[in-house]
């Protein structure tokens, strides 16, 4: 396992390299814990050095400042990277019981929410556990590729996946390569489904993909080339460095126009959205191939799929669940299942699961009453919690 030394982070490249190094340390540490081994002092030292390196990055008006190159700088929010490293150190040094007390103090209503989740799942032997990642299992980060999963998070999730669910699936909109690069769970224990379920890494390490018609594949290849050329321009380069950046997924492309730290001037963000809309319209004037979805942070450009009534629709996570059920032989006609998400785009997962088995349960992470009501209208027993830490604690302490 590589050891992390305390270093001065000067460039964005330095920052990404450090977070990649923490991924290796965390992955190895999770395996040690899950195997019943003792975590060495070298792990603690590496994480302390990583934390010190992050905390030493100079601040300006609440943002950390790094160089893009020799001259240009970029302002970054690093709350996730710093806070999750602090929490991992507390978890490793103080032990799980004290760490749970810490989470209880950190999050109002923590114990009540965890208790409600335990009551929902008590005595339930799950067939499938299908969950979103960011905002659901994982606390939000201002950038996708530095949102490396924390040790405590992986231990809690893996413990549940190995003991309480026969077929655990993480299903996200992110590309498969990116998802694997930031996950630290033990290999071969959890299905990783990406691009809303169009592609998946199975437990044997094989990649499965939903076939895309040749004309659609050509359309998205042309889109991706045009997006790449657009974002090479100096005035647009910054959008590749915030939030989700530029992600070429299987059957879908994502471009960030803002991040949770509001790094981009709002007027500039809106103008960039108009530029993307014009680009897509130029490539697809008849709107036969693409649909655009703007989350306020990301612009999702999604290949359409044909419906039974000869219409077109976006490929959503419900379509992904149905494909995975067939491709991975999940036998979702047989429940019970647990479905977890945090946004409206995760609701189709629950709808698809309920179509196949009414014995499907839900825990969603949200403070939005509209979403909570929508989930409860489908699953009256659903548990709603406001923080991902609550969900992973429910799972890890069941």
Protein backbone atom coordinates (compact mmCIF):
# COMPACT_ATOMS: atom_id res chain seq x y z
CA UNK A 1 0.00 0.00 0.00
CA UNK A 2 1.46 3.40 -0.96
CA UNK A 3 2.16 5.78 1.88
CA UNK A 4 1.06 9.39 1.57
CA UNK A 5 3.52 12.05 2.58
CA UNK A 6 2.66 15.61 3.46
CA UNK A 7 3.06 17.68 0.30
CA UNK A 8 2.32 21.20 -0.86
CA UNK A 9 -0.58 21.17 -3.29
CA UNK A 10 0.04 23.86 -5.89
CA UNK A 11 -1.95 22.72 -8.92
CA UNK A 12 -5.25 21.07 -9.64
CA UNK A 13 -3.25 18.11 -10.91
CA UNK A 14 -1.58 17.80 -7.48
CA UNK A 15 -4.99 17.76 -5.83
CA UNK A 16 -6.36 15.02 -8.09
CA UNK A 17 -3.21 12.93 -7.56
CA UNK A 18 -3.52 13.20 -3.79
CA UNK A 19 -7.16 12.10 -3.80
CA UNK A 20 -6.27 9.16 -6.07
CA UNK A 21 -3.64 8.16 -3.52
CA UNK A 22 -6.21 8.29 -0.70
CA UNK A 23 -8.38 5.95 -2.76
CA UNK A 24 -5.65 3.31 -2.69
CA UNK A 25 -5.12 3.70 1.05
CA UNK A 26 -8.83 3.54 1.75
CA UNK A 27 -9.43 0.53 -0.49
CA UNK A 28 -6.71 -1.49 1.22
CA UNK A 29 -7.89 -0.38 4.67
CA UNK A 30 -11.49 -1.41 4.03
CA UNK A 31 -10.32 -4.85 2.94
CA UNK A 32 -8.26 -5.17 6.13
CA UNK A 33 -11.24 -4.23 8.31
CA UNK A 34 -13.66 -6.51 6.46
CA UNK A 35 -11.18 -9.39 6.80
CA UNK A 36 -11.00 -8.82 10.55
CA UNK A 37 -7.46 -7.45 10.50
CA UNK A 38 -5.91 -4.59 12.43
CA UNK A 39 -5.34 -1.25 10.74
CA UNK A 40 -1.68 -0.23 10.85
CA UNK A 41 -0.30 3.07 12.05
CA UNK A 42 0.94 3.73 8.52
CA UNK A 43 -2.68 4.15 7.40
CA UNK A 44 -3.36 6.72 10.12
CA UNK A 45 -0.17 8.60 9.23
CA UNK A 46 -1.02 8.59 5.51
CA UNK A 47 -4.49 10.00 6.13
CA UNK A 48 -3.13 12.62 8.54
CA UNK A 49 -0.61 13.68 5.90
CA UNK A 50 -3.36 13.85 3.28
CA UNK A 51 -5.54 15.94 5.58
CA UNK A 52 -2.69 18.33 6.40
CA UNK A 53 -1.93 18.72 2.69
CA UNK A 54 -5.56 19.59 1.97
CA UNK A 55 -5.86 21.98 4.90
CA UNK A 56 -2.66 23.78 3.86
CA UNK A 57 -4.12 24.85 0.51
CA UNK A 58 -4.50 28.64 0.77
CA UNK A 59 -7.98 30.09 1.16
CA UNK A 60 -9.54 33.15 -0.40
CA UNK A 61 -13.08 34.22 0.47
CA UNK A 62 -13.93 30.75 1.76
CA UNK A 63 -12.55 28.88 -1.27
CA UNK A 64 -9.26 27.04 -1.71
CA UNK A 65 -7.06 28.38 -4.49
CA UNK A 66 -4.95 26.22 -6.81
CA UNK A 67 -3.21 26.83 -10.12
CA UNK A 68 -4.66 25.42 -13.33
CA UNK A 69 -1.28 25.93 -14.97
CA UNK A 70 1.62 28.28 -14.39
CA UNK A 71 -0.56 31.40 -14.38
CA UNK A 72 -4.30 30.77 -14.10
CA UNK A 73 -5.89 29.87 -10.79
CA UNK A 74 -9.16 28.21 -9.82
CA UNK A 75 -11.22 28.57 -6.65
CA UNK A 76 -12.39 25.25 -5.18
CA UNK A 77 -14.61 24.06 -2.39
CA UNK A 78 -12.86 21.16 -0.60
CA UNK A 79 -15.32 20.56 2.24
CA UNK A 80 -16.06 16.97 1.23
CA UNK A 81 -12.44 15.90 0.84
CA UNK A 82 -11.40 17.50 4.14
CA UNK A 83 -14.42 16.48 6.20
CA UNK A 84 -14.50 12.86 5.04
CA UNK A 85 -10.80 12.48 5.79
CA UNK A 86 -11.34 13.91 9.27
CA UNK A 87 -14.23 11.50 9.81
CA UNK A 88 -12.16 8.53 8.64
CA UNK A 89 -9.40 9.42 11.08
CA UNK A 90 -11.91 9.73 13.93
CA UNK A 91 -13.46 6.37 12.97
CA UNK A 92 -10.09 4.60 12.88
CA UNK A 93 -8.62 6.21 16.00
CA UNK A 94 -11.66 6.31 18.30
CA UNK A 95 -13.54 3.18 17.22
CA UNK A 96 -17.00 2.62 15.77
CA UNK A 97 -19.08 3.15 18.90
CA UNK A 98 -17.56 6.56 19.60
CA UNK A 99 -17.80 7.42 15.90
CA UNK A 100 -21.53 6.71 15.92
CA UNK A 101 -21.89 9.04 18.90
CA UNK A 102 -20.03 11.65 16.85
CA UNK A 103 -22.44 11.25 13.92
CA UNK A 104 -25.36 11.53 16.34
CA UNK A 105 -23.99 14.83 17.63
CA UNK A 106 -23.27 16.02 14.07
CA UNK A 107 -26.73 15.38 12.61
CA UNK A 108 -29.92 16.53 14.43
CA UNK A 109 -32.47 13.73 14.76
CA UNK A 110 -29.86 11.13 13.87
CA UNK A 111 -30.92 8.46 16.38
CA UNK A 112 -34.63 8.76 15.54
CA UNK A 113 -34.01 8.43 11.81
CA UNK A 114 -31.70 5.43 12.29
CA UNK A 115 -34.29 3.80 14.53
CA UNK A 116 -37.00 4.27 11.87
CA UNK A 117 -34.77 2.63 9.28
CA UNK A 118 -34.08 -0.30 11.58
CA UNK A 119 -37.80 -0.78 12.17
CA UNK A 120 -38.44 -0.86 8.41
CA UNK A 121 -35.73 -3.44 7.72
CA UNK A 122 -35.79 -5.51 10.90
CA UNK A 123 -36.03 -9.21 10.10
CA UNK A 124 -36.19 -8.59 6.33
CA UNK A 125 -34.11 -10.88 4.10
CA UNK A 126 -33.61 -8.83 0.94
CA UNK A 127 -33.31 -10.22 -2.54
CA UNK A 128 -32.14 -6.98 -4.23
CA UNK A 129 -30.68 -3.83 -2.75
CA UNK A 130 -30.57 -1.14 -5.45
CA UNK A 131 -29.26 2.29 -4.56
CA UNK A 132 -28.04 5.53 -6.04
CA UNK A 133 -24.63 6.79 -4.85
CA UNK A 134 -24.13 10.57 -4.65
CA UNK A 135 -26.44 12.27 -2.18
CA UNK A 136 -27.87 8.89 -1.20
CA UNK A 137 -25.05 6.73 0.12
CA UNK A 138 -22.33 9.30 -0.31
CA UNK A 139 -22.20 12.89 0.91
CA UNK A 140 -22.13 15.39 -1.94
CA UNK A 141 -18.80 16.64 -3.26
CA UNK A 142 -18.13 19.66 -5.45
CA UNK A 143 -16.32 17.41 -8.00
CA UNK A 144 -17.05 13.85 -9.01
CA UNK A 145 -13.52 12.48 -9.42
CA UNK A 146 -12.38 13.63 -5.98
CA UNK A 147 -15.45 12.27 -4.20
CA UNK A 148 -13.50 9.21 -3.05
CA UNK A 149 -15.61 7.00 -0.82
CA UNK A 150 -14.64 7.18 2.85
CA UNK A 151 -13.57 4.16 4.86
CA UNK A 152 -16.43 4.24 7.36
CA UNK A 153 -18.94 4.60 4.54
CA UNK A 154 -17.59 1.57 2.71
CA UNK A 155 -17.42 -0.58 5.84
CA UNK A 156 -21.04 0.18 6.75
CA UNK A 157 -22.26 -0.35 3.17
CA UNK A 158 -20.23 -3.52 2.58
CA UNK A 159 -21.30 -5.06 5.87
CA UNK A 160 -24.94 -4.64 4.86
CA UNK A 161 -24.43 -5.76 1.26
CA UNK A 162 -22.65 -8.95 2.31
CA UNK A 163 -24.99 -9.99 5.11
CA UNK A 164 -28.45 -8.58 4.37
CA UNK A 165 -28.88 -8.54 0.58
CA UNK A 166 -28.42 -11.33 -1.93
CA UNK A 167 -27.92 -8.97 -4.89
CA UNK A 168 -26.59 -5.49 -4.03
CA UNK A 169 -26.45 -2.96 -6.88
CA UNK A 170 -25.14 0.61 -6.91
CA UNK A 171 -26.91 2.30 -9.82
CA UNK A 172 -25.76 5.77 -10.83
CA UNK A 173 -25.84 8.18 -13.74
CA UNK A 174 -22.04 8.44 -13.71
CA UNK A 175 -19.80 6.62 -16.20
CA UNK A 176 -18.59 3.19 -15.13
CA UNK A 177 -14.87 4.03 -15.14
CA UNK A 178 -15.41 7.04 -12.91
CA UNK A 179 -17.59 5.12 -10.48
CA UNK A 180 -14.98 2.39 -10.01
CA UNK A 181 -12.16 4.92 -9.56
CA UNK A 182 -13.82 6.55 -6.53
CA UNK A 183 -15.26 3.41 -4.87
CA UNK A 184 -13.33 1.51 -2.19
CA UNK A 185 -15.68 -1.41 -1.49
CA UNK A 186 -14.27 -4.97 -1.64
CA UNK A 187 -14.08 -6.23 -5.21
CA UNK A 188 -16.56 -8.74 -6.55
CA UNK A 189 -19.19 -8.16 -3.86
CA UNK A 190 -21.38 -5.38 -5.27
CA UNK A 191 -22.68 -4.81 -8.80
CA UNK A 192 -21.69 -1.39 -10.16
CA UNK A 193 -24.27 -0.14 -12.65
CA UNK A 194 -23.54 3.15 -14.41
CA UNK A 195 -24.93 5.42 -17.11
CA UNK A 196 -28.38 4.97 -15.51
CA UNK A 197 -27.99 1.20 -15.81
CA UNK A 198 -26.96 0.96 -19.47
CA UNK A 199 -23.60 -0.53 -18.39
CA UNK A 200 -22.61 -2.68 -15.45
CA UNK A 201 -19.60 -4.37 -13.85
CA UNK A 202 -20.73 -7.76 -12.60
CA UNK A 203 -19.34 -9.73 -9.67
CA UNK A 204 -16.97 -11.67 -11.93
CA UNK A 205 -15.43 -8.45 -13.27
CA UNK A 206 -17.15 -8.55 -16.65
CA UNK A 207 -18.63 -5.40 -18.19
CA UNK A 208 -22.17 -5.78 -19.52
CA UNK A 209 -23.74 -3.17 -21.81
CA UNK A 210 -27.20 -2.62 -23.22
CA UNK A 211 -26.86 -2.61 -27.03
CA UNK A 212 -27.39 0.76 -28.71
CA UNK A 213 -28.65 0.94 -32.34
CA UNK A 214 -25.92 1.92 -34.78
CA UNK A 215 -27.56 5.21 -35.78
CA UNK A 216 -27.89 6.22 -32.12
CA UNK A 217 -24.28 5.25 -31.46
CA UNK A 218 -23.17 7.43 -34.37
CA UNK A 219 -25.26 10.33 -33.07
CA UNK A 220 -23.73 10.27 -29.60
CA UNK A 221 -20.21 9.88 -31.02
CA UNK A 222 -20.77 13.06 -33.02
CA UNK A 223 -22.18 14.79 -29.93
CA UNK A 224 -19.19 13.78 -27.81
CA UNK A 225 -16.73 15.03 -30.43
CA UNK A 226 -18.54 18.38 -30.60
CA UNK A 227 -18.65 18.72 -26.83
CA UNK A 228 -14.95 17.92 -26.58
CA UNK A 229 -14.11 20.56 -29.20
CA UNK A 230 -16.31 23.14 -27.48
CA UNK A 231 -14.73 22.61 -24.09
CA UNK A 232 -11.20 22.89 -25.48
CA UNK A 233 -11.90 26.60 -25.93
CA UNK A 234 -10.30 28.64 -23.11
CA UNK A 235 -13.57 30.37 -22.19
CA UNK A 236 -15.27 27.01 -21.55
CA UNK A 237 -12.43 24.96 -20.09
CA UNK A 238 -13.46 25.81 -16.51
CA UNK A 239 -16.64 23.76 -16.90
CA UNK A 240 -14.55 20.58 -17.20
CA UNK A 241 -12.96 21.31 -13.82
CA UNK A 242 -16.04 21.80 -11.64
CA UNK A 243 -18.68 19.39 -10.38
CA UNK A 244 -19.26 16.52 -12.76
CA UNK A 245 -16.97 18.09 -15.36
CA UNK A 246 -17.38 16.52 -18.79
CA UNK A 247 -18.45 12.89 -18.65
CA UNK A 248 -18.96 10.64 -21.66
CA UNK A 249 -21.25 7.89 -20.43
CA UNK A 250 -22.72 4.95 -22.28
CA UNK A 251 -25.75 6.42 -24.06
CA UNK A 252 -25.52 9.76 -22.28
CA UNK A 253 -23.18 12.73 -21.84
CA UNK A 254 -22.98 15.14 -18.93
CA UNK A 255 -21.53 18.64 -18.75
CA UNK A 256 -21.32 20.63 -15.54
CA UNK A 257 -22.47 24.23 -15.71
CA UNK A 258 -22.25 24.87 -11.96
CA UNK A 259 -21.17 23.13 -8.75
CA UNK A 260 -22.54 23.04 -5.22
CA UNK A 261 -20.07 25.75 -4.19
CA UNK A 262 -21.38 28.13 -6.91
CA UNK A 263 -17.92 28.53 -8.42
CA UNK A 264 -19.32 29.95 -11.67
CA UNK A 265 -21.04 33.32 -12.03
CA UNK A 266 -24.75 32.54 -12.45
CA UNK A 267 -25.17 34.62 -15.62
CA UNK A 268 -22.17 32.87 -17.17
CA UNK A 269 -23.61 29.49 -16.18
CA UNK A 270 -26.93 30.31 -17.86
CA UNK A 271 -25.19 31.51 -21.02
CA UNK A 272 -23.26 28.25 -21.18
CA UNK A 273 -26.55 26.34 -20.91
CA UNK A 274 -27.85 28.27 -23.94
CA UNK A 275 -24.65 27.39 -25.83
CA UNK A 276 -25.19 23.69 -25.09
CA UNK A 277 -28.84 23.87 -26.11
CA UNK A 278 -27.86 25.46 -29.43
CA UNK A 279 -25.22 22.78 -30.02
CA UNK A 280 -27.65 19.92 -29.42
CA UNK A 281 -30.32 21.54 -31.60
CA UNK A 282 -27.81 21.91 -34.42
CA UNK A 283 -26.88 18.21 -34.18
CA UNK A 284 -30.43 16.96 -33.68
CA UNK A 285 -32.87 19.47 -35.25
CA UNK A 286 -35.70 16.95 -35.34
CA UNK A 287 -35.19 16.02 -31.66
CA UNK A 288 -35.12 12.33 -32.59
CA UNK A 289 -31.94 11.34 -30.77
CA UNK A 290 -31.50 13.48 -27.68
CA UNK A 291 -33.32 14.90 -24.70
CA UNK A 292 -31.72 17.48 -22.43
CA UNK A 293 -32.19 17.60 -18.68
CA UNK A 294 -30.85 20.55 -16.69
CA UNK A 295 -30.43 19.94 -12.95
CA UNK A 296 -29.15 23.44 -12.27
CA UNK A 297 -25.69 21.98 -11.79
CA UNK A 298 -25.35 19.48 -14.64
CA UNK A 299 -26.71 19.34 -18.15
CA UNK A 300 -27.58 15.75 -19.04
CA UNK A 301 -27.82 14.97 -22.77
CA UNK A 302 -29.56 11.61 -23.03
CA UNK A 303 -30.12 9.26 -25.95
CA UNK A 304 -33.81 8.60 -26.41
CA UNK A 305 -35.31 5.10 -26.54
CA UNK A 306 -38.35 3.92 -28.43
CA UNK A 307 -41.51 3.12 -26.51
CA UNK A 308 -44.15 0.49 -27.22
CA UNK A 309 -46.45 3.10 -28.77
CA UNK A 310 -43.77 4.19 -31.27
CA UNK A 311 -42.93 7.28 -29.24
CA UNK A 312 -39.59 8.44 -27.81
CA UNK A 313 -38.55 8.88 -24.19
CA UNK A 314 -35.47 9.48 -22.12
CA UNK A 315 -33.70 6.38 -20.88
CA UNK A 316 -34.19 6.56 -17.10
CA UNK A 317 -33.09 4.53 -14.10
CA UNK A 318 -36.30 2.53 -14.25
CA UNK A 319 -35.29 1.33 -17.72
CA UNK A 320 -31.89 0.57 -16.21
CA UNK A 321 -33.40 -1.54 -13.43
CA UNK A 322 -35.42 -3.55 -15.95
CA UNK A 323 -32.37 -4.16 -18.14
CA UNK A 324 -30.23 -5.19 -15.15
CA UNK A 325 -32.95 -7.53 -13.91
CA UNK A 326 -32.78 -9.41 -17.20
CA UNK A 327 -29.05 -9.12 -17.85
CA UNK A 328 -27.92 -10.05 -14.32
CA UNK A 329 -30.79 -12.46 -13.58
CA UNK A 330 -31.80 -10.53 -10.47
CA UNK A 331 -35.17 -12.36 -10.27
CA UNK A 332 -36.91 -9.19 -9.18
CA UNK A 333 -40.30 -10.87 -9.41
CA UNK A 334 -39.25 -12.24 -6.02
CA UNK A 335 -38.92 -9.65 -3.25
CA UNK A 336 -38.37 -8.12 -0.91
CA UNK A 337 -36.18 -5.38 -2.34
CA UNK A 338 -34.79 -2.16 -0.90
CA UNK A 339 -34.55 0.87 -3.19
CA UNK A 340 -32.66 4.01 -2.14
CA UNK A 341 -32.24 7.38 -3.83
CA UNK A 342 -32.21 11.11 -3.24
CA UNK A 343 -33.69 12.85 -6.30
CA UNK A 344 -36.64 12.61 -8.65
CA UNK A 345 -34.43 10.78 -11.15
CA UNK A 346 -34.19 7.92 -8.62
CA UNK A 347 -37.97 7.46 -8.34
CA UNK A 348 -38.21 5.38 -11.58
CA UNK A 349 -36.02 2.75 -9.82
CA UNK A 350 -38.72 2.34 -7.18
CA UNK A 351 -41.50 2.35 -9.78
CA UNK A 352 -39.75 -0.39 -11.77
CA UNK A 353 -39.13 -2.48 -8.66
CA UNK A 354 -42.78 -2.20 -7.61
CA UNK A 355 -43.91 -3.26 -11.08
CA UNK A 356 -41.97 -6.49 -10.63
CA UNK A 357 -42.69 -7.04 -6.94
CA UNK A 358 -45.03 -5.15 -4.63
CA UNK A 359 -42.76 -6.33 -1.84
CA UNK A 360 -40.34 -3.45 -2.41
CA UNK A 361 -39.24 -1.10 0.38
CA UNK A 362 -37.73 2.37 0.14
CA UNK A 363 -35.41 4.66 2.06
CA UNK A 364 -34.83 8.03 0.39
CA UNK A 365 -32.49 10.81 1.44
CA UNK A 366 -34.09 14.20 1.02
CA UNK A 367 -35.35 17.29 2.79
CA UNK A 368 -37.71 18.12 -0.08
CA UNK A 369 -41.31 17.45 0.90
CA UNK A 370 -42.43 17.11 -2.71
CA UNK A 371 -40.02 14.24 -3.32
CA UNK A 372 -40.80 12.64 0.05
CA UNK A 373 -44.54 12.74 -0.77
CA UNK A 374 -43.91 11.24 -4.21
CA UNK A 375 -41.94 8.35 -2.69
CA UNK A 376 -44.54 7.73 0.02
CA UNK A 377 -47.33 7.72 -2.58
CA UNK A 378 -45.59 4.72 -4.14
CA UNK A 379 -44.41 3.08 -0.90
CA UNK A 380 -46.41 4.24 2.15
CA UNK A 381 -43.94 2.61 4.56
CA UNK A 382 -40.97 4.46 3.05
CA UNK A 383 -38.47 6.01 5.46
CA UNK A 384 -37.21 9.49 4.62
CA UNK A 385 -33.94 10.72 6.11
CA UNK A 386 -32.14 14.04 5.51
CA UNK A 387 -28.51 12.85 5.40
CA UNK A 388 -26.54 10.08 3.62
CA UNK A 389 -24.71 9.35 6.90
CA UNK A 390 -28.06 8.31 8.37
CA UNK A 391 -28.75 5.87 5.57
CA UNK A 392 -25.35 4.19 5.69
CA UNK A 393 -25.60 3.96 9.48
CA UNK A 394 -29.02 2.30 9.19
CA UNK A 395 -27.50 -0.22 6.81
CA UNK A 396 -24.24 -0.76 8.70
CA UNK A 397 -25.77 -1.21 12.15
CA UNK A 398 -28.79 -3.34 11.26
